[in-house]
N, C-alpha and C. Protein backbone atom coordinates (compact mmCIF):
# COMPACT_ATOMS: atom_id res chain seq x y z
N MET A 1 13.06 -4.20 4.14
CA MET A 1 12.87 -3.28 3.02
C MET A 1 12.43 -1.94 3.59
N LYS A 2 12.98 -0.88 3.07
CA LYS A 2 12.67 0.47 3.52
C LYS A 2 11.30 0.90 2.99
N GLU A 3 10.52 1.55 3.86
CA GLU A 3 9.20 2.04 3.47
C GLU A 3 9.34 3.14 2.42
N ALA A 4 8.37 3.19 1.49
CA ALA A 4 8.41 4.17 0.40
C ALA A 4 8.31 5.60 0.94
N ASN A 5 9.06 6.50 0.34
CA ASN A 5 9.03 7.90 0.70
C ASN A 5 8.06 8.61 -0.25
N ILE A 6 6.79 8.72 0.17
CA ILE A 6 5.78 9.36 -0.66
C ILE A 6 5.05 10.41 0.16
N ALA A 7 4.42 11.34 -0.53
CA ALA A 7 3.74 12.46 0.12
C ALA A 7 2.59 11.97 1.01
N GLU A 8 2.36 12.69 2.10
CA GLU A 8 1.31 12.31 3.05
C GLU A 8 -0.07 12.30 2.40
N ILE A 9 -0.36 13.24 1.52
CA ILE A 9 -1.67 13.27 0.85
C ILE A 9 -1.84 12.03 -0.03
N THR A 10 -0.78 11.60 -0.67
CA THR A 10 -0.83 10.38 -1.48
C THR A 10 -1.08 9.18 -0.59
N LYS A 11 -0.43 9.13 0.56
CA LYS A 11 -0.64 8.04 1.50
C LYS A 11 -2.11 7.98 1.92
N ARG A 12 -2.69 9.13 2.22
CA ARG A 12 -4.10 9.15 2.63
C ARG A 12 -5.01 8.66 1.51
N ASN A 13 -4.72 9.06 0.28
CA ASN A 13 -5.52 8.60 -0.86
C ASN A 13 -5.42 7.09 -1.03
N ILE A 14 -4.21 6.56 -0.94
CA ILE A 14 -4.00 5.12 -1.11
C ILE A 14 -4.72 4.36 0.00
N LEU A 15 -4.57 4.80 1.24
CA LEU A 15 -5.21 4.13 2.37
C LEU A 15 -6.73 4.16 2.23
N SER A 16 -7.27 5.29 1.84
CA SER A 16 -8.72 5.42 1.64
C SER A 16 -9.20 4.49 0.53
N ASN A 17 -8.50 4.50 -0.60
CA ASN A 17 -8.89 3.64 -1.72
C ASN A 17 -8.73 2.17 -1.42
N ALA A 18 -7.83 1.82 -0.48
CA ALA A 18 -7.66 0.43 -0.05
C ALA A 18 -8.67 0.09 1.06
N ARG A 19 -9.59 0.99 1.31
CA ARG A 19 -10.64 0.82 2.32
C ARG A 19 -10.06 0.58 3.73
N TYR A 20 -8.93 1.25 3.99
CA TYR A 20 -8.28 1.20 5.30
C TYR A 20 -7.92 -0.23 5.72
N MET A 21 -7.52 -1.04 4.74
CA MET A 21 -7.15 -2.43 5.02
C MET A 21 -5.80 -2.77 4.40
N CYS A 22 -5.08 -3.67 5.05
CA CYS A 22 -3.84 -4.21 4.51
C CYS A 22 -4.18 -4.94 3.21
N GLU A 23 -3.40 -4.71 2.17
CA GLU A 23 -3.69 -5.32 0.88
C GLU A 23 -3.25 -6.79 0.79
N VAL A 24 -2.75 -7.33 1.88
CA VAL A 24 -2.41 -8.75 1.90
C VAL A 24 -3.37 -9.51 2.83
N CYS A 25 -3.44 -9.12 4.09
CA CYS A 25 -4.22 -9.89 5.06
C CYS A 25 -5.60 -9.30 5.36
N GLY A 26 -5.83 -8.04 5.00
CA GLY A 26 -7.13 -7.42 5.20
C GLY A 26 -7.38 -6.82 6.57
N ILE A 27 -6.36 -6.79 7.43
CA ILE A 27 -6.52 -6.20 8.76
C ILE A 27 -6.78 -4.70 8.63
N THR A 28 -7.57 -4.14 9.54
CA THR A 28 -7.89 -2.71 9.51
C THR A 28 -6.65 -1.90 9.86
N LEU A 29 -6.42 -0.86 9.08
CA LEU A 29 -5.28 0.03 9.28
C LEU A 29 -5.76 1.43 9.59
N GLY A 30 -4.95 2.17 10.31
CA GLY A 30 -5.28 3.56 10.61
C GLY A 30 -4.30 4.13 11.60
N TYR A 31 -4.64 5.29 12.14
CA TYR A 31 -3.73 5.97 13.04
C TYR A 31 -4.27 6.08 14.46
N GLU A 32 -5.40 5.41 14.73
CA GLU A 32 -5.95 5.41 16.08
C GLU A 32 -5.14 4.46 16.96
N LYS A 33 -5.30 4.60 18.26
CA LYS A 33 -4.52 3.83 19.21
C LYS A 33 -4.66 2.32 19.03
N ASP A 34 -5.86 1.85 18.71
CA ASP A 34 -6.09 0.41 18.60
C ASP A 34 -5.95 -0.13 17.18
N GLU A 35 -5.46 0.67 16.26
CA GLU A 35 -5.32 0.24 14.87
C GLU A 35 -3.85 0.04 14.51
N GLU A 36 -3.62 -0.85 13.57
CA GLU A 36 -2.27 -1.06 13.04
C GLU A 36 -1.91 0.13 12.16
N ARG A 37 -0.70 0.62 12.28
CA ARG A 37 -0.25 1.74 11.44
C ARG A 37 0.09 1.23 10.05
N PRO A 38 -0.43 1.91 9.02
CA PRO A 38 -0.14 1.48 7.65
C PRO A 38 1.31 1.73 7.26
N GLN A 39 1.84 0.86 6.41
CA GLN A 39 3.17 1.03 5.84
C GLN A 39 3.02 0.97 4.33
N TYR A 40 3.80 1.78 3.64
CA TYR A 40 3.68 1.92 2.19
C TYR A 40 4.99 1.50 1.53
N TYR A 41 4.86 0.72 0.45
CA TYR A 41 6.05 0.23 -0.26
C TYR A 41 5.83 0.35 -1.76
N PHE A 42 6.90 0.70 -2.47
CA PHE A 42 6.86 0.64 -3.92
C PHE A 42 6.90 -0.82 -4.30
N ILE A 43 5.94 -1.28 -5.08
CA ILE A 43 5.87 -2.68 -5.48
C ILE A 43 7.06 -3.02 -6.37
N VAL A 44 7.28 -2.20 -7.38
CA VAL A 44 8.49 -2.30 -8.20
C VAL A 44 9.38 -1.13 -7.76
N PRO A 45 10.49 -1.42 -7.10
CA PRO A 45 11.35 -0.35 -6.59
C PRO A 45 11.76 0.64 -7.69
N ILE A 46 11.87 1.89 -7.32
CA ILE A 46 12.27 2.95 -8.25
C ILE A 46 13.61 2.61 -8.89
N MET A 47 14.53 2.04 -8.12
CA MET A 47 15.86 1.68 -8.63
C MET A 47 15.79 0.57 -9.68
N GLN A 48 14.64 -0.13 -9.74
CA GLN A 48 14.47 -1.21 -10.70
C GLN A 48 13.49 -0.81 -11.80
N GLY A 49 13.25 0.49 -11.95
CA GLY A 49 12.39 0.98 -13.03
C GLY A 49 10.95 1.23 -12.64
N GLY A 50 10.62 1.09 -11.37
CA GLY A 50 9.26 1.37 -10.91
C GLY A 50 8.96 2.86 -10.98
N GLU A 51 7.68 3.17 -11.12
CA GLU A 51 7.27 4.57 -11.22
C GLU A 51 6.77 5.09 -9.88
N LYS A 52 6.92 6.40 -9.68
CA LYS A 52 6.42 7.05 -8.48
C LYS A 52 4.96 7.44 -8.70
N LYS A 53 4.07 6.43 -8.69
CA LYS A 53 2.65 6.69 -8.82
C LYS A 53 1.89 5.72 -7.93
N GLU A 54 0.64 6.06 -7.63
CA GLU A 54 -0.15 5.27 -6.69
C GLU A 54 -0.30 3.82 -7.12
N ALA A 55 -0.36 3.55 -8.42
CA ALA A 55 -0.52 2.18 -8.90
C ALA A 55 0.72 1.32 -8.65
N ASN A 56 1.80 1.92 -8.18
CA ASN A 56 3.02 1.18 -7.88
C ASN A 56 3.28 1.15 -6.37
N VAL A 57 2.29 1.51 -5.57
CA VAL A 57 2.45 1.55 -4.12
C VAL A 57 1.43 0.61 -3.49
N THR A 58 1.87 -0.15 -2.52
CA THR A 58 0.97 -1.01 -1.76
C THR A 58 0.96 -0.55 -0.31
N VAL A 59 -0.17 -0.76 0.35
CA VAL A 59 -0.31 -0.42 1.77
C VAL A 59 -0.44 -1.73 2.55
N LEU A 60 0.41 -1.87 3.56
CA LEU A 60 0.49 -3.12 4.31
C LEU A 60 0.46 -2.85 5.81
N CYS A 61 0.08 -3.89 6.57
CA CYS A 61 0.20 -3.83 8.02
C CYS A 61 1.68 -4.04 8.37
N PRO A 62 2.09 -3.73 9.60
CA PRO A 62 3.49 -3.93 9.96
C PRO A 62 3.98 -5.37 9.78
N GLY A 63 3.13 -6.35 10.08
CA GLY A 63 3.53 -7.74 9.93
C GLY A 63 3.83 -8.12 8.50
N ASP A 64 2.95 -7.71 7.57
CA ASP A 64 3.20 -8.00 6.17
C ASP A 64 4.31 -7.12 5.61
N GLY A 65 4.49 -5.94 6.17
CA GLY A 65 5.59 -5.08 5.75
C GLY A 65 6.95 -5.72 6.04
N GLU A 66 7.02 -6.45 7.17
CA GLU A 66 8.27 -7.13 7.53
C GLU A 66 8.63 -8.22 6.53
N ARG A 67 7.63 -8.81 5.89
CA ARG A 67 7.92 -9.88 4.93
C ARG A 67 7.65 -9.43 3.49
N PHE A 68 7.73 -8.13 3.24
CA PHE A 68 7.43 -7.56 1.93
C PHE A 68 8.22 -8.23 0.80
N LYS A 69 9.49 -8.50 1.03
CA LYS A 69 10.33 -9.11 -0.02
C LYS A 69 9.84 -10.48 -0.45
N GLU A 70 9.09 -11.16 0.42
CA GLU A 70 8.60 -12.51 0.13
C GLU A 70 7.24 -12.50 -0.58
N LEU A 71 6.59 -11.35 -0.66
CA LEU A 71 5.22 -11.28 -1.18
C LEU A 71 5.18 -11.37 -2.71
N ASP A 72 4.06 -11.81 -3.23
CA ASP A 72 3.82 -11.94 -4.67
C ASP A 72 3.61 -10.53 -5.26
N ARG A 73 4.63 -10.02 -5.95
CA ARG A 73 4.56 -8.66 -6.50
C ARG A 73 3.48 -8.52 -7.57
N ASP A 74 3.28 -9.56 -8.38
CA ASP A 74 2.24 -9.49 -9.42
C ASP A 74 0.86 -9.31 -8.79
N LEU A 75 0.60 -10.04 -7.71
CA LEU A 75 -0.68 -9.90 -7.02
C LEU A 75 -0.83 -8.50 -6.45
N LEU A 76 0.22 -7.97 -5.86
CA LEU A 76 0.17 -6.61 -5.30
C LEU A 76 -0.07 -5.58 -6.41
N LEU A 77 0.56 -5.75 -7.57
CA LEU A 77 0.35 -4.82 -8.69
C LEU A 77 -1.10 -4.87 -9.17
N ARG A 78 -1.68 -6.07 -9.26
CA ARG A 78 -3.08 -6.20 -9.68
C ARG A 78 -4.00 -5.51 -8.69
N LYS A 79 -3.75 -5.70 -7.40
CA LYS A 79 -4.57 -5.06 -6.38
C LYS A 79 -4.45 -3.54 -6.45
N ALA A 80 -3.24 -3.04 -6.65
CA ALA A 80 -3.03 -1.59 -6.73
C ALA A 80 -3.70 -1.01 -7.96
N MET A 81 -3.65 -1.72 -9.08
CA MET A 81 -4.30 -1.23 -10.30
C MET A 81 -5.82 -1.22 -10.12
N TYR A 82 -6.37 -2.26 -9.50
CA TYR A 82 -7.80 -2.32 -9.23
C TYR A 82 -8.21 -1.19 -8.29
N ARG A 83 -7.41 -0.97 -7.25
CA ARG A 83 -7.68 0.08 -6.28
C ARG A 83 -7.72 1.44 -6.97
N GLU A 84 -6.80 1.66 -7.91
CA GLU A 84 -6.72 2.94 -8.61
C GLU A 84 -7.94 3.15 -9.53
N MET A 85 -8.48 2.06 -10.09
CA MET A 85 -9.62 2.16 -10.99
C MET A 85 -10.94 2.30 -10.25
N ALA A 86 -10.99 1.86 -8.98
CA ALA A 86 -12.22 1.88 -8.22
C ALA A 86 -12.67 3.31 -7.93
N GLU A 87 -13.94 3.50 -7.88
CA GLU A 87 -14.49 4.82 -7.56
C GLU A 87 -14.23 5.15 -6.10
N PRO A 88 -13.78 6.36 -5.80
CA PRO A 88 -13.59 6.74 -4.41
C PRO A 88 -14.93 6.89 -3.70
N ASP A 89 -14.94 6.61 -2.41
CA ASP A 89 -16.15 6.78 -1.62
C ASP A 89 -16.49 8.26 -1.53
N THR A 90 -17.77 8.57 -1.62
CA THR A 90 -18.18 9.97 -1.48
C THR A 90 -19.24 10.11 -0.44
């Protein structure tokens, strides 16, 4: 599955709100040398009526990104909605 094409600032917001963790396995994500690079996917693809908003995007590690098609989309949507409602760290 192709990674979502979303703005870099949106990616940073999603990663921060996900507490820099994969939303499936919980591994730490980031851009440092020893961290897994985050991957972003539309949970409900745009071609299938999904919206281009943060609540429809999940952040995954490369391993879970490879098996994205097999993942429970309802669970990912619930996690994304919870993430969007959570207060950002200040």
